[in-house]
C-alpha atoms as a PDB file:
ATOM      1  CA  UNK A   1      -1.247 102.437 119.510  1.00  0.00           C
ATOM      2  CA  UNK A   2       0.542  99.015 119.945  1.00  0.00           C
ATOM      3  CA  UNK A   3       4.214  99.092 121.108  1.00  0.00           C
ATOM      4  CA  UNK A   4       7.091  96.800 121.339  1.00  0.00           C
ATOM      5  CA  UNK A   5       5.554  94.101 118.970  1.00  0.00           C
ATOM      6  CA  UNK A   6       2.356  93.495 121.124  1.00  0.00           C
ATOM      7  CA  UNK A   7      -1.013  93.379 119.164  1.00  0.00           C
ATOM      8  CA  UNK A   8      -3.486  95.870 119.752  1.00  0.00           C
ATOM      9  CA  UNK A   9      -5.474  93.144 121.588  1.00  0.00           C
ATOM     10  CA  UNK A  10      -2.430  92.650 124.450  1.00  0.00           C
ATOM     11  CA  UNK A  11      -1.932  96.423 124.624  1.00  0.00           C
ATOM     12  CA  UNK A  12      -5.783  96.995 125.442  1.00  0.00           C
ATOM     13  CA  UNK A  13      -5.894  93.845 127.784  1.00  0.00           C
ATOM     14  CA  UNK A  14      -2.883  95.200 129.535  1.00  0.00           C
ATOM     15  CA  UNK A  15      -4.496  98.502 130.043  1.00  0.00           C
ATOM     16  CA  UNK A  16      -7.976  96.893 131.403  1.00  0.00           C
ATOM     17  CA  UNK A  17      -6.011  94.541 133.778  1.00  0.00           C
ATOM     18  CA  UNK A  18      -4.165  97.643 135.058  1.00  0.00           C
ATOM     19  CA  UNK A  19      -7.508  99.221 135.860  1.00  0.00           C
ATOM     20  CA  UNK A  20      -8.374  95.978 138.068  1.00  0.00           C
ATOM     21  CA  UNK A  21     -10.696  94.731 135.407  1.00  0.00           C
ATOM     22  CA  UNK A  22     -10.777  91.608 133.725  1.00  0.00           C
ATOM     23  CA  UNK A  23     -10.693  91.317 130.131  1.00  0.00           C
ATOM     24  CA  UNK A  24     -12.790  88.504 128.859  1.00  0.00           C
ATOM     25  CA  UNK A  25     -11.861  87.373 125.451  1.00  0.00           C
ATOM     26  CA  UNK A  26     -15.585  86.634 123.208  1.00  0.00           C
ATOM     27  CA  UNK A  27     -16.493  86.525 119.651  1.00  0.00           C
ATOM     28  CA  UNK A  28     -19.822  87.807 118.046  1.00  0.00           C
ATOM     29  CA  UNK A  29     -21.881  85.212 116.625  1.00  0.00           C
ATOM     30  CA  UNK A  30     -25.253  87.090 116.115  1.00  0.00           C
ATOM     31  CA  UNK A  31     -25.024  90.707 116.242  1.00  0.00           C
ATOM     32  CA  UNK A  32     -28.617  91.329 115.511  1.00  0.00           C
ATOM     33  CA  UNK A  33     -29.730  89.330 118.615  1.00  0.00           C
ATOM     34  CA  UNK A  34     -27.955  91.649 121.035  1.00  0.00           C
ATOM     35  CA  UNK A  35     -29.117  95.248 122.553  1.00  0.00           C
ATOM     36  CA  UNK A  36     -25.826  97.227 122.201  1.00  0.00           C
ATOM     37  CA  UNK A  37     -25.156 100.859 122.901  1.00  0.00           C
ATOM     38  CA  UNK A  38     -22.151 102.122 121.200  1.00  0.00           C
ATOM     39  CA  UNK A  39     -19.894 104.426 123.271  1.00  0.00           C
ATOM     40  CA  UNK A  40     -18.354 107.107 121.825  1.00  0.00           C
ATOM     41  CA  UNK A  41     -15.298 108.149 123.664  1.00  0.00           C
ATOM     42  CA  UNK A  42     -11.856 107.124 124.134  1.00  0.00           C
ATOM     43  CA  UNK A  43     -10.415 103.899 126.053  1.00  0.00           C
ATOM     44  CA  UNK A  44      -9.841 105.654 129.119  1.00  0.00           C
ATOM     45  CA  UNK A  45     -13.442 106.954 129.346  1.00  0.00           C
ATOM     46  CA  UNK A  46     -14.906 103.752 128.474  1.00  0.00           C
ATOM     47  CA  UNK A  47     -13.130 101.947 131.402  1.00  0.00           C
ATOM     48  CA  UNK A  48     -14.340 104.874 133.671  1.00  0.00           C
ATOM     49  CA  UNK A  49     -17.923 104.164 132.306  1.00  0.00           C
ATOM     50  CA  UNK A  50     -17.530 100.620 132.893  1.00  0.00           C
ATOM     51  CA  UNK A  51     -16.605 101.004 136.441  1.00  0.00           C
ATOM     52  CA  UNK A  52     -19.530 103.257 137.046  1.00  0.00           C
ATOM     53  CA  UNK A  53     -21.837 100.760 135.626  1.00  0.00           C
ATOM     54  CA  UNK A  54     -20.165  98.334 138.375  1.00  0.00           C
ATOM     55  CA  UNK A  55     -18.551  95.906 135.921  1.00  0.00           C
ATOM     56  CA  UNK A  56     -16.369  93.273 137.007  1.00  0.00           C
ATOM     57  CA  UNK A  57     -15.124  92.306 133.566  1.00  0.00           C
ATOM     58  CA  UNK A  58     -15.113  93.424 129.843  1.00  0.00           C
ATOM     59  CA  UNK A  59     -15.477  91.203 126.921  1.00  0.00           C
ATOM     60  CA  UNK A  60     -12.752  91.503 124.581  1.00  0.00           C
ATOM     61  CA  UNK A  61     -13.084  90.480 120.874  1.00  0.00           C
ATOM     62  CA  UNK A  62     -10.324  90.771 118.617  1.00  0.00           C
ATOM     63  CA  UNK A  63     -10.945  92.255 114.960  1.00  0.00           C
ATOM     64  CA  UNK A  64      -8.838  91.226 112.193  1.00  0.00           C
ATOM     65  CA  UNK A  65      -7.717  92.932 108.641  1.00  0.00           C
ATOM     66  CA  UNK A  66      -9.931  91.067 106.013  1.00  0.00           C
ATOM     67  CA  UNK A  67      -9.333  91.045 102.252  1.00  0.00           C
ATOM     68  CA  UNK A  68     -13.187  91.914 101.412  1.00  0.00           C
ATOM     69  CA  UNK A  69     -12.171  95.762 103.006  1.00  0.00           C
ATOM     70  CA  UNK A  70      -9.754  96.278  99.843  1.00  0.00           C
ATOM     71  CA  UNK A  71     -13.112  96.349  97.601  1.00  0.00           C
ATOM     72  CA  UNK A  72     -15.655  98.756  97.444  1.00  0.00           C
ATOM     73  CA  UNK A  73     -18.954  98.032  99.121  1.00  0.00           C
ATOM     74  CA  UNK A  74     -21.927 100.329  98.359  1.00  0.00           C
ATOM     75  CA  UNK A  75     -23.996  98.546 101.578  1.00  0.00           C
ATOM     76  CA  UNK A  76     -26.850  98.048  99.029  1.00  0.00           C
ATOM     77  CA  UNK A  77     -27.650  94.250  98.751  1.00  0.00           C
ATOM     78  CA  UNK A  78     -29.349  92.911  95.838  1.00  0.00           C
ATOM     79  CA  UNK A  79     -32.767  93.097  96.865  1.00  0.00           C
ATOM     80  CA  UNK A  80     -32.338  96.712  97.568  1.00  0.00           C
ATOM     81  CA  UNK A  81     -30.566  97.342  94.468  1.00  0.00           C
ATOM     82  CA  UNK A  82     -33.885  95.954  92.316  1.00  0.00           C
ATOM     83  CA  UNK A  83     -36.272  97.811  94.529  1.00  0.00           C
ATOM     84  CA  UNK A  84     -34.413 101.311  93.514  1.00  0.00           C
ATOM     85  CA  UNK A  85     -33.551 100.441  90.056  1.00  0.00           C
ATOM     86  CA  UNK A  86     -34.918  97.387  88.752  1.00  0.00           C
ATOM     87  CA  UNK A  87     -38.473  97.926  88.474  1.00  0.00           C
ATOM     88  CA  UNK A  88     -39.388  97.596  84.718  1.00  0.00           C
ATOM     89  CA  UNK A  89     -43.574  97.687  85.359  1.00  0.00           C
ATOM     90  CA  UNK A  90     -43.717 101.308  85.857  1.00  0.00           C
ATOM     91  CA  UNK A  91     -43.726 103.493  82.722  1.00  0.00           C
ATOM     92  CA  UNK A  92     -41.537 106.054  84.266  1.00  0.00           C
ATOM     93  CA  UNK A  93     -44.251 108.646  84.316  1.00  0.00           C
ATOM     94  CA  UNK A  94     -45.640 108.029  87.562  1.00  0.00           C
ATOM     95  CA  UNK A  95     -44.397 109.674  90.970  1.00  0.00           C
ATOM     96  CA  UNK A  96     -43.370 106.613  92.744  1.00  0.00           C
ATOM     97  CA  UNK A  97     -39.620 106.564  94.165  1.00  0.00           C
ATOM     98  CA  UNK A  98     -38.420 104.240  91.570  1.00  0.00           C
ATOM     99  CA  UNK A  99     -39.434 106.167  88.569  1.00  0.00           C
ATOM    100  CA  UNK A 100     -38.380 109.414  90.192  1.00  0.00           C
ATOM    101  CA  UNK A 101     -34.863 107.598  90.633  1.00  0.00           C
ATOM    102  CA  UNK A 102     -34.999 106.733  86.885  1.00  0.00           C
ATOM    103  CA  UNK A 103     -35.810 110.296  86.183  1.00  0.00           C
ATOM    104  CA  UNK A 104     -32.803 111.922  88.103  1.00  0.00           C
ATOM    105  CA  UNK A 105     -30.723 108.912  86.775  1.00  0.00           C
ATOM    106  CA  UNK A 106     -31.565 110.050  83.177  1.00  0.00           C
ATOM    107  CA  UNK A 107     -31.249 113.554  83.952  1.00  0.00           C
ATOM    108  CA  UNK A 108     -27.745 113.260  85.571  1.00  0.00           C
ATOM    109  CA  UNK A 109     -26.627 111.337  82.469  1.00  0.00           C
ATOM    110  CA  UNK A 110     -27.867 113.952  79.972  1.00  0.00           C
ATOM    111  CA  UNK A 111     -26.179 116.781  81.964  1.00  0.00           C
ATOM    112  CA  UNK A 112     -22.691 114.678  82.418  1.00  0.00           C
ATOM    113  CA  UNK A 113     -20.528 113.881  78.971  1.00  0.00           C
ATOM    114  CA  UNK A 114     -18.094 111.891  80.804  1.00  0.00           C
ATOM    115  CA  UNK A 115     -19.914 108.740  81.054  1.00  0.00           C
ATOM    116  CA  UNK A 116     -18.062 105.579  80.154  1.00  0.00           C
ATOM    117  CA  UNK A 117     -18.856 103.932  76.893  1.00  0.00           C
ATOM    118  CA  UNK A 118     -22.398 105.398  77.026  1.00  0.00           C
ATOM    119  CA  UNK A 119     -23.494 104.187  80.221  1.00  0.00           C
ATOM    120  CA  UNK A 120     -24.202 105.786  83.157  1.00  0.00           C
ATOM    121  CA  UNK A 121     -23.158 104.203  86.437  1.00  0.00           C
ATOM    122  CA  UNK A 122     -24.331 104.249  90.022  1.00  0.00           C
ATOM    123  CA  UNK A 123     -22.045 103.595  92.862  1.00  0.00           C
ATOM    124  CA  UNK A 124     -23.644 100.155  93.711  1.00  0.00           C
ATOM    125  CA  UNK A 125     -22.815  99.371  89.934  1.00  0.00           C
ATOM    126  CA  UNK A 126     -19.259  99.120  91.216  1.00  0.00           C
ATOM    127  CA  UNK A 127     -19.698  97.132  94.063  1.00  0.00           C
ATOM    128  CA  UNK A 128     -16.404  94.718  94.401  1.00  0.00           C
ATOM    129  CA  UNK A 129     -14.235  96.871  92.742  1.00  0.00           C
ATOM    130  CA  UNK A 130     -10.488  96.749  93.898  1.00  0.00           C
ATOM    131  CA  UNK A 131      -9.917 100.062  95.657  1.00  0.00           C
ATOM    132  CA  UNK A 132      -6.252  99.837  95.485  1.00  0.00           C
ATOM    133  CA  UNK A 133      -6.658 101.153  91.952  1.00  0.00           C
ATOM    134  CA  UNK A 134      -7.772 104.289  93.309  1.00  0.00           C
ATOM    135  CA  UNK A 135      -5.659 104.585  96.172  1.00  0.00           C
ATOM    136  CA  UNK A 136      -2.481 102.643  95.407  1.00  0.00           C
ATOM    137  CA  UNK A 137      -1.098 103.214  98.721  1.00  0.00           C
ATOM    138  CA  UNK A 138      -3.478 100.827 100.141  1.00  0.00           C
ATOM    139  CA  UNK A 139      -1.379  98.126  98.812  1.00  0.00           C
ATOM    140  CA  UNK A 140       0.986  98.205 101.383  1.00  0.00           C
ATOM    141  CA  UNK A 141      -1.562  97.138 103.940  1.00  0.00           C
ATOM    142  CA  UNK A 142      -2.101  93.633 102.023  1.00  0.00           C
ATOM    143  CA  UNK A 143       0.346  91.860 103.917  1.00  0.00           C
ATOM    144  CA  UNK A 144      -1.711  92.430 106.996  1.00  0.00           C
ATOM    145  CA  UNK A 145      -4.497  90.672 105.620  1.00  0.00           C
ATOM    146  CA  UNK A 146      -5.626  88.453 108.679  1.00  0.00           C
ATOM    147  CA  UNK A 147      -3.601  90.404 111.357  1.00  0.00           C
ATOM    148  CA  UNK A 148      -5.332  91.848 114.411  1.00  0.00           C
ATOM    149  CA  UNK A 149      -5.937  95.426 113.588  1.00  0.00           C
ATOM    150  CA  UNK A 150      -8.369  96.347 116.696  1.00  0.00           C
ATOM    151  CA  UNK A 151     -10.536  95.065 119.549  1.00  0.00           C
ATOM    152  CA  UNK A 152     -14.259  95.421 120.483  1.00  0.00           C
ATOM    153  CA  UNK A 153     -14.779  95.653 124.241  1.00  0.00           C
ATOM    154  CA  UNK A 154     -17.976  95.264 125.617  1.00  0.00           C
ATOM    155  CA  UNK A 155     -19.441  95.780 129.211  1.00  0.00           C
ATOM    156  CA  UNK A 156     -21.797  92.939 129.713  1.00  0.00           C
ATOM    157  CA  UNK A 157     -25.420  93.761 130.923  1.00  0.00           C
ATOM    158  CA  UNK A 158     -29.057  93.510 129.631  1.00  0.00           C
ATOM    159  CA  UNK A 159     -27.921  96.498 127.263  1.00  0.00           C
ATOM    160  CA  UNK A 160     -24.179  96.021 126.401  1.00  0.00           C
ATOM    161  CA  UNK A 161     -21.863  99.174 126.068  1.00  0.00           C
ATOM    162  CA  UNK A 162     -19.445  98.429 123.446  1.00  0.00           C
ATOM    163  CA  UNK A 163     -16.672 100.540 121.739  1.00  0.00           C
ATOM    164  CA  UNK A 164     -14.034  99.550 119.233  1.00  0.00           C
ATOM    165  CA  UNK A 165     -10.305 100.497 119.530  1.00  0.00           C
ATOM    166  CA  UNK A 166      -8.135 100.310 116.334  1.00  0.00           C
ATOM    167  CA  UNK A 167      -4.272 100.451 115.837  1.00  0.00           C
ATOM    168  CA  UNK A 168      -2.745 103.298 114.219  1.00  0.00           C
ATOM    169  CA  UNK A 169      -1.792 101.729 111.101  1.00  0.00           C
ATOM    170  CA  UNK A 170      -5.659 100.634 110.599  1.00  0.00           C
ATOM    171  CA  UNK A 171      -6.870 103.806 111.139  1.00  0.00           C
ATOM    172  CA  UNK A 172      -4.590 105.048 108.078  1.00  0.00           C
ATOM    173  CA  UNK A 173      -5.876 102.202 106.116  1.00  0.00           C
ATOM    174  CA  UNK A 174      -9.448 102.985 106.951  1.00  0.00           C
ATOM    175  CA  UNK A 175      -9.162 106.656 105.963  1.00  0.00           C
ATOM    176  CA  UNK A 176      -7.893 105.733 102.673  1.00  0.00           C
ATOM    177  CA  UNK A 177     -10.620 103.500 102.144  1.00  0.00           C
ATOM    178  CA  UNK A 178     -13.021 105.958 103.028  1.00  0.00           C
ATOM    179  CA  UNK A 179     -11.614 108.543 100.377  1.00  0.00           C
ATOM    180  CA  UNK A 180     -11.872 105.770  97.850  1.00  0.00           C
ATOM    181  CA  UNK A 181     -15.179 105.033  98.396  1.00  0.00           C
ATOM    182  CA  UNK A 182     -16.176 108.685  98.584  1.00  0.00           C
ATOM    183  CA  UNK A 183     -14.592 109.089  95.332  1.00  0.00           C
ATOM    184  CA  UNK A 184     -16.854 106.424  94.018  1.00  0.00           C
ATOM    185  CA  UNK A 185     -19.857 107.727  95.586  1.00  0.00           C
ATOM    186  CA  UNK A 186     -19.263 111.101  94.043  1.00  0.00           C
ATOM    187  CA  UNK A 187     -18.671 110.290  90.574  1.00  0.00           C
ATOM    188  CA  UNK A 188     -18.656 106.839  89.890  1.00  0.00           C
ATOM    189  CA  UNK A 189     -17.963 107.225  86.260  1.00  0.00           C
ATOM    190  CA  UNK A 190     -15.152 109.345  87.168  1.00  0.00           C
ATOM    191  CA  UNK A 191     -13.609 106.882  89.494  1.00  0.00           C
ATOM    192  CA  UNK A 192     -13.851 103.964  87.002  1.00  0.00           C
ATOM    193  CA  UNK A 193     -11.930 106.200  84.509  1.00  0.00           C
ATOM    194  CA  UNK A 194      -9.322 106.872  86.948  1.00  0.00           C
ATOM    195  CA  UNK A 195      -8.977 103.072  87.448  1.00  0.00           C
ATOM    196  CA  UNK A 196      -8.791 102.439  83.988  1.00  0.00           C
ATOM    197  CA  UNK A 197      -6.264 104.881  83.407  1.00  0.00           C
ATOM    198  CA  UNK A 198      -4.197 103.560  86.152  1.00  0.00           C
ATOM    199  CA  UNK A 199      -4.483  99.914  84.850  1.00  0.00           C
ATOM    200  CA  UNK A 200      -3.138 101.331  81.203  1.00  0.00           C
ATOM    201  CA  UNK A 201      -0.352 102.888  83.003  1.00  0.00           C
ATOM    202  CA  UNK A 202       0.586  99.747  84.874  1.00  0.00           C
ATOM    203  CA  UNK A 203       0.405  97.614  81.488  1.00  0.00           C
ATOM    204  CA  UNK A 204       2.261 100.299  79.804  1.00  0.00           C
ATOM    205  CA  UNK A 205       5.181  99.877  82.437  1.00  0.00           C
ATOM    206  CA  UNK A 206       4.911  96.309  82.736  1.00  0.00           C
ATOM    207  CA  UNK A 207       5.534  96.118  78.963  1.00  0.00           C
ATOM    208  CA  UNK A 208       8.274  98.305  78.960  1.00  0.00           C
ATOM    209  CA  UNK A 209      10.221  95.924  81.621  1.00  0.00           C
ATOM    210  CA  UNK A 210       9.058  92.543  80.868  1.00  0.00           C
ATOM    211  CA  UNK A 211       7.337  92.979  77.515  1.00  0.00           C
ATOM    212  CA  UNK A 212       4.247  91.737  78.687  1.00  0.00           C
ATOM    213  CA  UNK A 213       1.655  91.501  81.813  1.00  0.00           C
ATOM    214  CA  UNK A 214      -1.986  92.781  81.765  1.00  0.00           C
ATOM    215  CA  UNK A 215      -4.089  93.694  84.824  1.00  0.00           C
ATOM    216  CA  UNK A 216      -8.041  93.578  84.896  1.00  0.00           C
ATOM    217  CA  UNK A 217     -10.124  95.563  87.278  1.00  0.00           C
ATOM    218  CA  UNK A 218     -10.532  93.220  90.020  1.00  0.00           C
ATOM    219  CA  UNK A 219     -14.315  92.419  90.981  1.00  0.00           C
ATOM    220  CA  UNK A 220     -14.843  90.558  94.346  1.00  0.00           C
ATOM    221  CA  UNK A 221     -18.331  90.617  95.853  1.00  0.00           C
ATOM    222  CA  UNK A 222     -17.787  92.088  99.252  1.00  0.00           C
ATOM    223  CA  UNK A 223     -19.203  90.468 102.336  1.00  0.00           C
ATOM    224  CA  UNK A 224     -20.764  92.331 105.341  1.00  0.00           C
ATOM    225  CA  UNK A 225     -17.574  93.359 107.405  1.00  0.00           C
ATOM    226  CA  UNK A 226     -18.013  92.382 110.898  1.00  0.00           C
ATOM    227  CA  UNK A 227     -16.547  95.972 111.896  1.00  0.00           C
ATOM    228  CA  UNK A 228     -18.742  98.547 112.084  1.00  0.00           C
END
């Protein structure tokens, strides 16, 4: 969306100004403390809605590409994981959700011979894995870490009306993240095997050209991203 070397923030702010509204730079400090309504349309439609609501200005928060976005995040925290898989008190024979989860996990393992080293993985087990090992094309965006990738626009009020607008390059990056994450969620073991195969190929190429070089699967506990 950005043109003439303008950042996505500059482009959106210029458009807001042309619509006779004032862009007001803001930062979100506590999302949980706010009542927010998320707008499902485009920027032009959002501006029209803002005018209908009688807005005199729009909060503009710049969003940045973060390093954590290159690593898989299942969205499940440690407490949720332990609640689902970490119950050692049940005998596995009751009907509680935890035991049912263990049964389905065991059944899946018995039906699939492609497990890695005899271990059946859940997507949550792969939190923090480097997604570029599944989608090498993502690596081209590493140089953009810290760069403005979008803006969060908010019409202030008792109920905030909010929309997020992203640069075209970030939409391309986000699509790759979704594809890699989906591959992990559909087949965690298969995804891990693909990562290992890619690492072996890279190691072989490195040895052929330099005689040395080893790359390991990157593990980096993801943080909760501010972008939705």
